[in-house]
PDB file of N, CA and C in Angstrom:
ATOM      1  N   MET A   1      -5.655   9.965  -9.586  1.00  0.00           N
ATOM      2  CA  MET A   1      -5.106   8.854  -8.843  1.00  0.00           C
ATOM      3  C   MET A   1      -6.052   7.677  -8.925  1.00  0.00           C
ATOM      4  N   GLU A   2      -5.482   6.519  -9.123  1.00  0.00           N
ATOM      5  CA  GLU A   2      -6.258   5.288  -9.192  1.00  0.00           C
ATOM      6  C   GLU A   2      -6.956   5.041  -7.853  1.00  0.00           C
ATOM      7  N   GLN A   3      -8.211   4.618  -7.906  1.00  0.00           N
ATOM      8  CA  GLN A   3      -8.976   4.455  -6.674  1.00  0.00           C
ATOM      9  C   GLN A   3      -9.326   3.004  -6.377  1.00  0.00           C
ATOM     10  N   TRP A   4      -8.663   2.062  -7.008  1.00  0.00           N
ATOM     11  CA  TRP A   4      -8.938   0.659  -6.746  1.00  0.00           C
ATOM     12  C   TRP A   4      -8.562   0.328  -5.314  1.00  0.00           C
ATOM     13  N   PRO A   5      -9.392  -0.440  -4.626  1.00  0.00           N
ATOM     14  CA  PRO A   5      -9.088  -0.804  -3.238  1.00  0.00           C
ATOM     15  C   PRO A   5      -7.727  -1.492  -3.082  1.00  0.00           C
ATOM     16  N   GLU A   6      -7.349  -2.310  -4.071  1.00  0.00           N
ATOM     17  CA  GLU A   6      -6.067  -3.003  -3.988  1.00  0.00           C
ATOM     18  C   GLU A   6      -4.900  -2.009  -4.017  1.00  0.00           C
ATOM     19  N   SER A   7      -5.010  -0.990  -4.849  1.00  0.00           N
ATOM     20  CA  SER A   7      -3.957   0.019  -4.926  1.00  0.00           C
ATOM     21  C   SER A   7      -3.885   0.816  -3.628  1.00  0.00           C
ATOM     22  N   LEU A   8      -5.032   1.121  -3.056  1.00  0.00           N
ATOM     23  CA  LEU A   8      -5.053   1.855  -1.795  1.00  0.00           C
ATOM     24  C   LEU A   8      -4.481   1.015  -0.664  1.00  0.00           C
ATOM     25  N   GLU A   9      -4.722  -0.290  -0.685  1.00  0.00           N
ATOM     26  CA  GLU A   9      -4.133  -1.171   0.329  1.00  0.00           C
ATOM     27  C   GLU A   9      -2.615  -1.145   0.224  1.00  0.00           C
ATOM     28  N   ILE A  10      -2.104  -1.170  -0.993  1.00  0.00           N
ATOM     29  CA  ILE A  10      -0.655  -1.119  -1.202  1.00  0.00           C
ATOM     30  C   ILE A  10      -0.106   0.195  -0.670  1.00  0.00           C
ATOM     31  N   LEU A  11      -0.756   1.298  -1.001  1.00  0.00           N
ATOM     32  CA  LEU A  11      -0.289   2.600  -0.516  1.00  0.00           C
ATOM     33  C   LEU A  11      -0.334   2.679   1.000  1.00  0.00           C
ATOM     34  N   ARG A  12      -1.393   2.160   1.597  1.00  0.00           N
ATOM     35  CA  ARG A  12      -1.499   2.192   3.059  1.00  0.00           C
ATOM     36  C   ARG A  12      -0.400   1.361   3.711  1.00  0.00           C
ATOM     37  N   PHE A  13      -0.086   0.223   3.103  1.00  0.00           N
ATOM     38  CA  PHE A  13       0.998  -0.601   3.644  1.00  0.00           C
ATOM     39  C   PHE A  13       2.326   0.136   3.547  1.00  0.00           C
ATOM     40  N   LEU A  14       2.616   0.679   2.365  1.00  0.00           N
ATOM     41  CA  LEU A  14       3.891   1.378   2.177  1.00  0.00           C
ATOM     42  C   LEU A  14       3.981   2.647   3.018  1.00  0.00           C
ATOM     43  N   LEU A  15       2.842   3.217   3.344  1.00  0.00           N
ATOM     44  CA  LEU A  15       2.802   4.429   4.157  1.00  0.00           C
ATOM     45  C   LEU A  15       3.454   4.203   5.518  1.00  0.00           C
ATOM     46  N   GLY A  16       3.293   3.027   6.065  1.00  0.00           N
ATOM     47  CA  GLY A  16       3.840   2.729   7.381  1.00  0.00           C
ATOM     48  C   GLY A  16       5.248   2.147   7.375  1.00  0.00           C
ATOM     49  N   GLN A  17       5.878   2.063   6.218  1.00  0.00           N
ATOM     50  CA  GLN A  17       7.196   1.438   6.118  1.00  0.00           C
ATOM     51  C   GLN A  17       8.305   2.482   6.082  1.00  0.00           C
ATOM     52  N   LEU A  18       9.385   2.185   6.755  1.00  0.00           N
ATOM     53  CA  LEU A  18      10.519   3.103   6.784  1.00  0.00           C
ATOM     54  C   LEU A  18      11.534   2.809   5.681  1.00  0.00           C
ATOM     55  N   GLU A  19      11.488   1.620   5.139  1.00  0.00           N
ATOM     56  CA  GLU A  19      12.429   1.257   4.079  1.00  0.00           C
ATOM     57  C   GLU A  19      11.678   0.644   2.908  1.00  0.00           C
ATOM     58  N   PRO A  20      12.269   0.653   1.713  1.00  0.00           N
ATOM     59  CA  PRO A  20      11.606   0.075   0.540  1.00  0.00           C
ATOM     60  C   PRO A  20      11.294  -1.408   0.745  1.00  0.00           C
ATOM     61  N   LYS A  21      10.204  -1.872   0.166  1.00  0.00           N
ATOM     62  CA  LYS A  21       9.764  -3.259   0.298  1.00  0.00           C
ATOM     63  C   LYS A  21       9.719  -3.935  -1.063  1.00  0.00           C
ATOM     64  N   SER A  22      10.018  -5.218  -1.079  1.00  0.00           N
ATOM     65  CA  SER A  22       9.987  -5.982  -2.324  1.00  0.00           C
ATOM     66  C   SER A  22       8.545  -6.301  -2.710  1.00  0.00           C
ATOM     67  N   ILE A  23       8.360  -6.687  -3.953  1.00  0.00           N
ATOM     68  CA  ILE A  23       7.036  -7.053  -4.448  1.00  0.00           C
ATOM     69  C   ILE A  23       6.482  -8.209  -3.619  1.00  0.00           C
ATOM     70  N   LYS A  24       7.332  -9.159  -3.308  1.00  0.00           N
ATOM     71  CA  LYS A  24       6.906 -10.323  -2.529  1.00  0.00           C
ATOM     72  C   LYS A  24       6.392  -9.898  -1.155  1.00  0.00           C
ATOM     73  N   ASP A  25       7.109  -8.994  -0.494  1.00  0.00           N
ATOM     74  CA  ASP A  25       6.678  -8.514   0.824  1.00  0.00           C
ATOM     75  C   ASP A  25       5.355  -7.767   0.737  1.00  0.00           C
ATOM     76  N   VAL A  26       5.217  -6.927  -0.269  1.00  0.00           N
ATOM     77  CA  VAL A  26       3.981  -6.159  -0.437  1.00  0.00           C
ATOM     78  C   VAL A  26       2.819  -7.110  -0.725  1.00  0.00           C
ATOM     79  N   ALA A  27       3.022  -8.066  -1.624  1.00  0.00           N
ATOM     80  CA  ALA A  27       1.967  -9.016  -1.979  1.00  0.00           C
ATOM     81  C   ALA A  27       1.534  -9.830  -0.761  1.00  0.00           C
ATOM     82  N   HIS A  28       2.508 -10.252   0.020  1.00  0.00           N
ATOM     83  CA  HIS A  28       2.184 -11.025   1.219  1.00  0.00           C
ATOM     84  C   HIS A  28       1.362 -10.191   2.197  1.00  0.00           C
ATOM     85  N   GLU A  29       1.753  -8.951   2.386  1.00  0.00           N
ATOM     86  CA  GLU A  29       1.077  -8.090   3.352  1.00  0.00           C
ATOM     87  C   GLU A  29      -0.356  -7.750   2.929  1.00  0.00           C
ATOM     88  N   VAL A  30      -0.577  -7.488   1.651  1.00  0.00           N
ATOM     89  CA  VAL A  30      -1.929  -7.140   1.190  1.00  0.00           C
ATOM     90  C   VAL A  30      -2.725  -8.366   0.752  1.00  0.00           C
ATOM     91  N   GLN A  31      -2.133  -9.540   0.913  1.00  0.00           N
ATOM     92  CA  GLN A  31      -2.778 -10.812   0.601  1.00  0.00           C
ATOM     93  C   GLN A  31      -3.296 -10.861  -0.827  1.00  0.00           C
ATOM     94  N   ALA A  32      -2.390 -10.578  -1.763  1.00  0.00           N
ATOM     95  CA  ALA A  32      -2.727 -10.598  -3.185  1.00  0.00           C
ATOM     96  C   ALA A  32      -1.640 -11.377  -3.936  1.00  0.00           C
ATOM     97  N   PRO A  33      -1.964 -11.925  -5.099  1.00  0.00           N
ATOM     98  CA  PRO A  33      -0.947 -12.611  -5.894  1.00  0.00           C
ATOM     99  C   PRO A  33       0.171 -11.646  -6.302  1.00  0.00           C
ATOM    100  N   GLU A  34       1.372 -12.179  -6.407  1.00  0.00           N
ATOM    101  CA  GLU A  34       2.523 -11.332  -6.761  1.00  0.00           C
ATOM    102  C   GLU A  34       2.361 -10.673  -8.116  1.00  0.00           C
ATOM    103  N   ILE A  35       1.796 -11.366  -9.095  1.00  0.00           N
ATOM    104  CA  ILE A  35       1.649 -10.790 -10.427  1.00  0.00           C
ATOM    105  C   ILE A  35       0.682  -9.610 -10.392  1.00  0.00           C
ATOM    106  N   SER A  36      -0.414  -9.722  -9.640  1.00  0.00           N
ATOM    107  CA  SER A  36      -1.359  -8.610  -9.513  1.00  0.00           C
ATOM    108  C   SER A  36      -0.711  -7.438  -8.791  1.00  0.00           C
ATOM    109  N   THR A  37       0.050  -7.758  -7.767  1.00  0.00           N
ATOM    110  CA  THR A  37       0.735  -6.711  -7.003  1.00  0.00           C
ATOM    111  C   THR A  37       1.765  -6.013  -7.875  1.00  0.00           C
ATOM    112  N   ARG A  38       2.483  -6.776  -8.685  1.00  0.00           N
ATOM    113  CA  ARG A  38       3.479  -6.190  -9.589  1.00  0.00           C
ATOM    114  C   ARG A  38       2.799  -5.229 -10.569  1.00  0.00           C
ATOM    115  N   ASN A  39       1.660  -5.628 -11.107  1.00  0.00           N
ATOM    116  CA  ASN A  39       0.930  -4.774 -12.045  1.00  0.00           C
ATOM    117  C   ASN A  39       0.415  -3.509 -11.363  1.00  0.00           C
ATOM    118  N   ARG A  40      -0.110  -3.644 -10.154  1.00  0.00           N
ATOM    119  CA  ARG A  40      -0.592  -2.474  -9.407  1.00  0.00           C
ATOM    120  C   ARG A  40       0.561  -1.523  -9.101  1.00  0.00           C
ATOM    121  N   LEU A  41       1.694  -2.068  -8.669  1.00  0.00           N
ATOM    122  CA  LEU A  41       2.855  -1.231  -8.360  1.00  0.00           C
ATOM    123  C   LEU A  41       3.350  -0.510  -9.612  1.00  0.00           C
ATOM    124  N   ALA A  42       3.306  -1.185 -10.758  1.00  0.00           N
ATOM    125  CA  ALA A  42       3.719  -0.547 -12.011  1.00  0.00           C
ATOM    126  C   ALA A  42       2.794   0.622 -12.345  1.00  0.00           C
ATOM    127  N   LYS A  43       1.481   0.436 -12.150  1.00  0.00           N
ATOM    128  CA  LYS A  43       0.528   1.530 -12.398  1.00  0.00           C
ATOM    129  C   LYS A  43       0.756   2.679 -11.421  1.00  0.00           C
ATOM    130  N   LEU A  44       0.970   2.341 -10.158  1.00  0.00           N
ATOM    131  CA  LEU A  44       1.213   3.373  -9.157  1.00  0.00           C
ATOM    132  C   LEU A  44       2.513   4.121  -9.436  1.00  0.00           C
ATOM    133  N   GLU A  45       3.495   3.411  -9.984  1.00  0.00           N
ATOM    134  CA  GLU A  45       4.767   4.061 -10.321  1.00  0.00           C
ATOM    135  C   GLU A  45       4.590   5.041 -11.479  1.00  0.00           C
ATOM    136  N   THR A  46       3.809   4.660 -12.480  1.00  0.00           N
ATOM    137  CA  THR A  46       3.600   5.573 -13.611  1.00  0.00           C
ATOM    138  C   THR A  46       2.822   6.815 -13.184  1.00  0.00           C
ATOM    139  N   GLN A  47       2.028   6.688 -12.125  1.00  0.00           N
ATOM    140  CA  GLN A  47       1.270   7.828 -11.619  1.00  0.00           C
ATOM    141  C   GLN A  47       2.070   8.651 -10.613  1.00  0.00           C
ATOM    142  N   GLY A  48       3.240   8.163 -10.241  1.00  0.00           N
ATOM    143  CA  GLY A  48       4.094   8.903  -9.312  1.00  0.00           C
ATOM    144  C   GLY A  48       3.785   8.672  -7.852  1.00  0.00           C
ATOM    145  N   ALA A  49       2.985   7.657  -7.536  1.00  0.00           N
ATOM    146  CA  ALA A  49       2.621   7.384  -6.147  1.00  0.00           C
ATOM    147  C   ALA A  49       3.677   6.549  -5.426  1.00  0.00           C
ATOM    148  N   VAL A  50       4.431   5.750  -6.173  1.00  0.00           N
ATOM    149  CA  VAL A  50       5.532   4.967  -5.612  1.00  0.00           C
ATOM    150  C   VAL A  50       6.742   5.120  -6.523  1.00  0.00           C
ATOM    151  N   VAL A  51       7.898   4.795  -5.986  1.00  0.00           N
ATOM    152  CA  VAL A  51       9.118   4.826  -6.772  1.00  0.00           C
ATOM    153  C   VAL A  51       9.830   3.481  -6.597  1.00  0.00           C
ATOM    154  N   ALA A  52      10.351   2.976  -7.698  1.00  0.00           N
ATOM    155  CA  ALA A  52      11.072   1.705  -7.675  1.00  0.00           C
ATOM    156  C   ALA A  52      12.564   1.971  -7.505  1.00  0.00           C
ATOM    157  N   VAL A  53      13.179   1.187  -6.644  1.00  0.00           N
ATOM    158  CA  VAL A  53      14.619   1.276  -6.442  1.00  0.00           C
ATOM    159  C   VAL A  53      15.197  -0.134  -6.512  1.00  0.00           C
ATOM    160  N   ARG A  54      16.400  -0.240  -7.026  1.00  0.00           N
ATOM    161  CA  ARG A  54      17.073  -1.534  -7.077  1.00  0.00           C
ATOM    162  C   ARG A  54      17.834  -1.718  -5.777  1.00  0.00           C
ATOM    163  N   ALA A  55      17.651  -2.879  -5.143  1.00  0.00           N
ATOM    164  CA  ALA A  55      18.313  -3.153  -3.870  1.00  0.00           C
ATOM    165  C   ALA A  55      18.677  -4.628  -3.795  1.00  0.00           C
ATOM    166  N   THR A  56      19.644  -4.916  -2.972  1.00  0.00           N
ATOM    167  CA  THR A  56      20.082  -6.287  -2.769  1.00  0.00           C
ATOM    168  C   THR A  56      19.209  -6.936  -1.706  1.00  0.00           C
ATOM    169  N   ALA A  57      18.792  -8.166  -1.976  1.00  0.00           N
ATOM    170  CA  ALA A  57      18.002  -8.933  -1.018  1.00  0.00           C
ATOM    171  C   ALA A  57      18.697 -10.260  -0.769  1.00  0.00           C
ATOM    172  N   SER A  58      18.608 -10.737   0.430  1.00  0.00           N
ATOM    173  CA  SER A  58      19.215 -12.010   0.794  1.00  0.00           C
ATOM    174  C   SER A  58      18.190 -13.109   0.619  1.00  0.00           C
ATOM    175  N   ILE A  59      18.560 -14.157  -0.123  1.00  0.00           N
ATOM    176  CA  ILE A  59      17.650 -15.291  -0.305  1.00  0.00           C
ATOM    177  C   ILE A  59      18.146 -16.517   0.445  1.00  0.00           C
ATOM    178  N   GLY A  60      19.185 -16.341   1.182  1.00  0.00           N
ATOM    179  CA  GLY A  60      19.749 -17.433   1.970  1.00  0.00           C
ATOM    180  C   GLY A  60      21.143 -17.062   2.423  1.00  0.00           C
ATOM    181  N   PRO A  61      21.762 -17.936   3.202  1.00  0.00           N
ATOM    182  CA  PRO A  61      23.119 -17.641   3.682  1.00  0.00           C
ATOM    183  C   PRO A  61      24.102 -17.485   2.523  1.00  0.00           C
ATOM    184  N   GLY A  62      24.670 -16.308   2.403  1.00  0.00           N
ATOM    185  CA  GLY A  62      25.654 -16.039   1.353  1.00  0.00           C
ATOM    186  C   GLY A  62      25.069 -15.862  -0.033  1.00  0.00           C
ATOM    187  N   LYS A  63      23.750 -15.859  -0.162  1.00  0.00           N
ATOM    188  CA  LYS A  63      23.112 -15.709  -1.470  1.00  0.00           C
ATOM    189  C   LYS A  63      22.357 -14.397  -1.504  1.00  0.00           C
ATOM    190  N   HIS A  64      22.782 -13.528  -2.386  1.00  0.00           N
ATOM    191  CA  HIS A  64      22.151 -12.222  -2.520  1.00  0.00           C
ATOM    192  C   HIS A  64      21.765 -11.997  -3.978  1.00  0.00           C
ATOM    193  N   VAL A  65      20.643 -11.356  -4.166  1.00  0.00           N
ATOM    194  CA  VAL A  65      20.175 -11.029  -5.511  1.00  0.00           C
ATOM    195  C   VAL A  65      19.802  -9.561  -5.558  1.00  0.00           C
ATOM    196  N   LEU A  66      19.859  -9.005  -6.750  1.00  0.00           N
ATOM    197  CA  LEU A  66      19.443  -7.623  -6.961  1.00  0.00           C
ATOM    198  C   LEU A  66      17.997  -7.647  -7.442  1.00  0.00           C
ATOM    199  N   CYS A  67      17.120  -6.965  -6.716  1.00  0.00           N
ATOM    200  CA  CYS A  67      15.707  -6.956  -7.109  1.00  0.00           C
ATOM    201  C   CYS A  67      15.105  -5.572  -6.892  1.00  0.00           C
ATOM    202  N   THR A  68      13.891  -5.402  -7.370  1.00  0.00           N
ATOM    203  CA  THR A  68      13.205  -4.123  -7.279  1.00  0.00           C
ATOM    204  C   THR A  68      12.444  -4.024  -5.969  1.00  0.00           C
ATOM    205  N   HIS A  69      12.627  -2.914  -5.297  1.00  0.00           N
ATOM    206  CA  HIS A  69      11.896  -2.604  -4.079  1.00  0.00           C
ATOM    207  C   HIS A  69      11.122  -1.307  -4.321  1.00  0.00           C
ATOM    208  N   TYR A  70      10.039  -1.136  -3.602  1.00  0.00           N
ATOM    209  CA  TYR A  70       9.201   0.040  -3.799  1.00  0.00           C
ATOM    210  C   TYR A  70       9.057   0.825  -2.506  1.00  0.00           C
ATOM    211  N   GLU A  71       9.020   2.145  -2.676  1.00  0.00           N
ATOM    212  CA  GLU A  71       8.730   3.016  -1.544  1.00  0.00           C
ATOM    213  C   GLU A  71       7.722   4.065  -1.993  1.00  0.00           C
ATOM    214  N   ILE A  72       6.974   4.567  -1.050  1.00  0.00           N
ATOM    215  CA  ILE A  72       5.917   5.524  -1.339  1.00  0.00           C
ATOM    216  C   ILE A  72       6.506   6.922  -1.494  1.00  0.00           C
ATOM    217  N   THR A  73       5.937   7.699  -2.392  1.00  0.00           N
ATOM    218  CA  THR A  73       6.349   9.086  -2.585  1.00  0.00           C
ATOM    219  C   THR A  73       5.423   9.993  -1.772  1.00  0.00           C
ATOM    220  N   GLN A  74       5.742  11.257  -1.736  1.00  0.00           N
ATOM    221  CA  GLN A  74       4.867  12.193  -1.018  1.00  0.00           C
ATOM    222  C   GLN A  74       3.483  12.236  -1.655  1.00  0.00           C
ATOM    223  N   TYR A  75       3.438  12.160  -2.979  1.00  0.00           N
ATOM    224  CA  TYR A  75       2.148  12.132  -3.670  1.00  0.00           C
ATOM    225  C   TYR A  75       1.345  10.906  -3.237  1.00  0.00           C
ATOM    226  N   GLY A  76       2.002   9.749  -3.148  1.00  0.00           N
ATOM    227  CA  GLY A  76       1.340   8.526  -2.710  1.00  0.00           C
ATOM    228  C   GLY A  76       0.840   8.653  -1.278  1.00  0.00           C
ATOM    229  N   ARG A  77       1.643   9.292  -0.417  1.00  0.00           N
ATOM    230  CA  ARG A  77       1.219   9.529   0.973  1.00  0.00           C
ATOM    231  C   ARG A  77      -0.035  10.395   1.004  1.00  0.00           C
ATOM    232  N   ASP A  78      -0.014  11.456   0.221  1.00  0.00           N
ATOM    233  CA  ASP A  78      -1.163  12.359   0.176  1.00  0.00           C
ATOM    234  C   ASP A  78      -2.416  11.630  -0.293  1.00  0.00           C
ATOM    235  N   CYS A  79      -2.279  10.788  -1.305  1.00  0.00           N
ATOM    236  CA  CYS A  79      -3.422  10.039  -1.830  1.00  0.00           C
ATOM    237  C   CYS A  79      -3.945   9.047  -0.790  1.00  0.00           C
ATOM    238  N   ALA A  80      -3.052   8.324  -0.137  1.00  0.00           N
ATOM    239  CA  ALA A  80      -3.475   7.333   0.858  1.00  0.00           C
ATOM    240  C   ALA A  80      -4.182   8.001   2.022  1.00  0.00           C
ATOM    241  N   VAL A  81      -3.646   9.104   2.494  1.00  0.00           N
ATOM    242  CA  VAL A  81      -4.246   9.805   3.625  1.00  0.00           C
ATOM    243  C   VAL A  81      -5.585  10.420   3.221  1.00  0.00           C
ATOM    244  N   ALA A  82      -5.652  11.022   2.055  1.00  0.00           N
ATOM    245  CA  ALA A  82      -6.901  11.642   1.598  1.00  0.00           C
ATOM    246  C   ALA A  82      -7.994  10.593   1.447  1.00  0.00           C
ATOM    247  N   ARG A  83      -7.669   9.448   0.874  1.00  0.00           N
ATOM    248  CA  ARG A  83      -8.671   8.389   0.683  1.00  0.00           C
ATOM    249  C   ARG A  83      -9.120   7.830   2.022  1.00  0.00           C
ATOM    250  N   THR A  84      -8.217   7.715   2.979  1.00  0.00           N
ATOM    251  CA  THR A  84      -8.571   7.210   4.301  1.00  0.00           C
ATOM    252  C   THR A  84      -9.541   8.165   4.985  1.00  0.00           C
ATOM    253  N   HIS A  85      -9.238   9.457   4.921  1.00  0.00           N
ATOM    254  CA  HIS A  85     -10.125  10.437   5.535  1.00  0.00           C
ATOM    255  C   HIS A  85     -11.492  10.464   4.851  1.00  0.00           C
ATOM    256  N   ASP A  86     -11.525  10.316   3.523  1.00  0.00           N
ATOM    257  CA  ASP A  86     -12.795  10.267   2.804  1.00  0.00           C
ATOM    258  C   ASP A  86     -13.619   9.062   3.244  1.00  0.00           C
ATOM    259  N   ALA A  87     -12.966   7.924   3.418  1.00  0.00           N
ATOM    260  CA  ALA A  87     -13.662   6.707   3.837  1.00  0.00           C
ATOM    261  C   ALA A  87     -14.213   6.855   5.247  1.00  0.00           C
ATOM    262  N   ILE A  88     -13.446   7.475   6.126  1.00  0.00           N
ATOM    263  CA  ILE A  88     -13.913   7.677   7.499  1.00  0.00           C
ATOM    264  C   ILE A  88     -15.109   8.621   7.514  1.00  0.00           C
ATOM    265  N   ARG A  89     -15.028   9.716   6.741  1.00  0.00           N
ATOM    266  CA  ARG A  89     -16.141  10.668   6.692  1.00  0.00           C
ATOM    267  C   ARG A  89     -17.411  10.003   6.156  1.00  0.00           C
ATOM    268  N   ALA A  90     -17.256   9.213   5.101  1.00  0.00           N
ATOM    269  CA  ALA A  90     -18.418   8.530   4.525  1.00  0.00           C
ATOM    270  C   ALA A  90     -18.989   7.515   5.509  1.00  0.00           C
ATOM    271  N   THR A  91     -18.104   6.829   6.218  1.00  0.00           N
ATOM    272  CA  THR A  91     -18.546   5.830   7.184  1.00  0.00           C
ATOM    273  C   THR A  91     -19.271   6.488   8.344  1.00  0.00           C
ATOM    274  N   ARG A  92     -18.784   7.592   8.801  1.00  0.00           N
ATOM    275  CA  ARG A  92     -19.412   8.279   9.927  1.00  0.00           C
ATOM    276  C   ARG A  92     -20.851   8.666   9.609  1.00  0.00           C
ATOM    277  N   MET A  93     -21.128   8.952   8.382  1.00  0.00           N
ATOM    278  CA  MET A  93     -22.475   9.359   8.013  1.00  0.00           C
ATOM    279  C   MET A  93     -23.406   8.149   7.943  1.00  0.00           C
ATOM    280  N   CYS A  94     -22.872   6.939   7.827  1.00  0.00           N
ATOM    281  CA  CYS A  94     -23.696   5.760   7.626  1.00  0.00           C
ATOM    282  C   CYS A  94     -23.840   4.890   8.874  1.00  0.00           C
ATOM    283  N   VAL A  95     -23.043   5.087   9.893  1.00  0.00           N
ATOM    284  CA  VAL A  95     -23.095   4.208  11.059  1.00  0.00           C
ATOM    285  C   VAL A  95     -24.066   4.747  12.090  1.00  0.00           C
ATOM    286  N   ASN A  96     -24.623   3.827  12.870  1.00  0.00           N
ATOM    287  CA  ASN A  96     -25.575   4.233  13.883  1.00  0.00           C
ATOM    288  C   ASN A  96     -25.169   3.802  15.286  1.00  0.00           C
ATOM    289  N   SER A  97     -23.922   3.362  15.449  1.00  0.00           N
ATOM    290  CA  SER A  97     -23.449   3.022  16.787  1.00  0.00           C
ATOM    291  C   SER A  97     -21.954   3.285  16.880  1.00  0.00           C
ATOM    292  N   VAL A  98     -21.498   3.463  18.086  1.00  0.00           N
ATOM    293  CA  VAL A  98     -20.072   3.690  18.324  1.00  0.00           C
ATOM    294  C   VAL A  98     -19.270   2.466  17.915  1.00  0.00           C
ATOM    295  N   PHE A  99     -19.813   1.283  18.139  1.00  0.00           N
ATOM    296  CA  PHE A  99     -19.100   0.055  17.808  1.00  0.00           C
ATOM    297  C   PHE A  99     -18.953  -0.114  16.294  1.00  0.00           C
ATOM    298  N   ALA A 100     -19.979   0.239  15.558  1.00  0.00           N
ATOM    299  CA  ALA A 100     -19.914   0.163  14.094  1.00  0.00           C
ATOM    300  C   ALA A 100     -18.899   1.174  13.556  1.00  0.00           C
ATOM    301  N   LEU A 101     -18.878   2.367  14.146  1.00  0.00           N
ATOM    302  CA  LEU A 101     -17.914   3.376  13.719  1.00  0.00           C
ATOM    303  C   LEU A 101     -16.488   2.916  13.979  1.00  0.00           C
ATOM    304  N   ALA A 102     -16.229   2.378  15.182  1.00  0.00           N
ATOM    305  CA  ALA A 102     -14.894   1.899  15.523  1.00  0.00           C
ATOM    306  C   ALA A 102     -14.471   0.782  14.588  1.00  0.00           C
ATOM    307  N   SER A 103     -15.387  -0.096  14.286  1.00  0.00           N
ATOM    308  CA  SER A 103     -15.094  -1.203  13.366  1.00  0.00           C
ATOM    309  C   SER A 103     -14.781  -0.675  11.968  1.00  0.00           C
ATOM    310  N   ALA A 104     -15.561   0.253  11.483  1.00  0.00           N
ATOM    311  CA  ALA A 104     -15.343   0.827  10.149  1.00  0.00           C
ATOM    312  C   ALA A 104     -14.030   1.597  10.077  1.00  0.00           C
ATOM    313  N   MET A 105     -13.711   2.337  11.114  1.00  0.00           N
ATOM    314  CA  MET A 105     -12.459   3.102  11.118  1.00  0.00           C
ATOM    315  C   MET A 105     -11.271   2.166  11.150  1.00  0.00           C
ATOM    316  N   ASN A 106     -11.374   1.078  11.853  1.00  0.00           N
ATOM    317  CA  ASN A 106     -10.280   0.122  11.917  1.00  0.00           C
ATOM    318  C   ASN A 106     -10.033  -0.513  10.560  1.00  0.00           C
ATOM    319  N   LEU A 107     -11.081  -0.841   9.825  1.00  0.00           N
ATOM    320  CA  LEU A 107     -10.948  -1.437   8.503  1.00  0.00           C
ATOM    321  C   LEU A 107     -10.404  -0.444   7.485  1.00  0.00           C
ATOM    322  N   SER A 108     -10.754   0.815   7.609  1.00  0.00           N
ATOM    323  CA  SER A 108     -10.345   1.784   6.606  1.00  0.00           C
ATOM    324  C   SER A 108      -8.942   2.318   6.854  1.00  0.00           C
ATOM    325  N   LEU A 109      -8.370   2.126   8.023  1.00  0.00           N
ATOM    326  CA  LEU A 109      -7.033   2.593   8.299  1.00  0.00           C
ATOM    327  C   LEU A 109      -6.098   1.518   7.916  1.00  0.00           C
TER     328      LEU A 109
END
């Protein structure tokens, strides 16, 4: 599984979503350019961490387009959760205060 922080951010975002999200929504949420997000999603799809589905999106009153939306797979969920737990474990070994631990856990979740 790819371990780039950007890919993990995408997986973490999709982990909390109940419905598929468009590239634009994912890019906005992870604060990355759409082209970079599209490339990351394509890599994650080839690895089986996300799945692309075609869905209708509204771009205005009476205007609908067919576009690609992404949702996380069970494999992607497992990877996101495993990486989060690894980050928390590593952080716990390096922090020397409760406040630093809370801050680190908040950033890694």
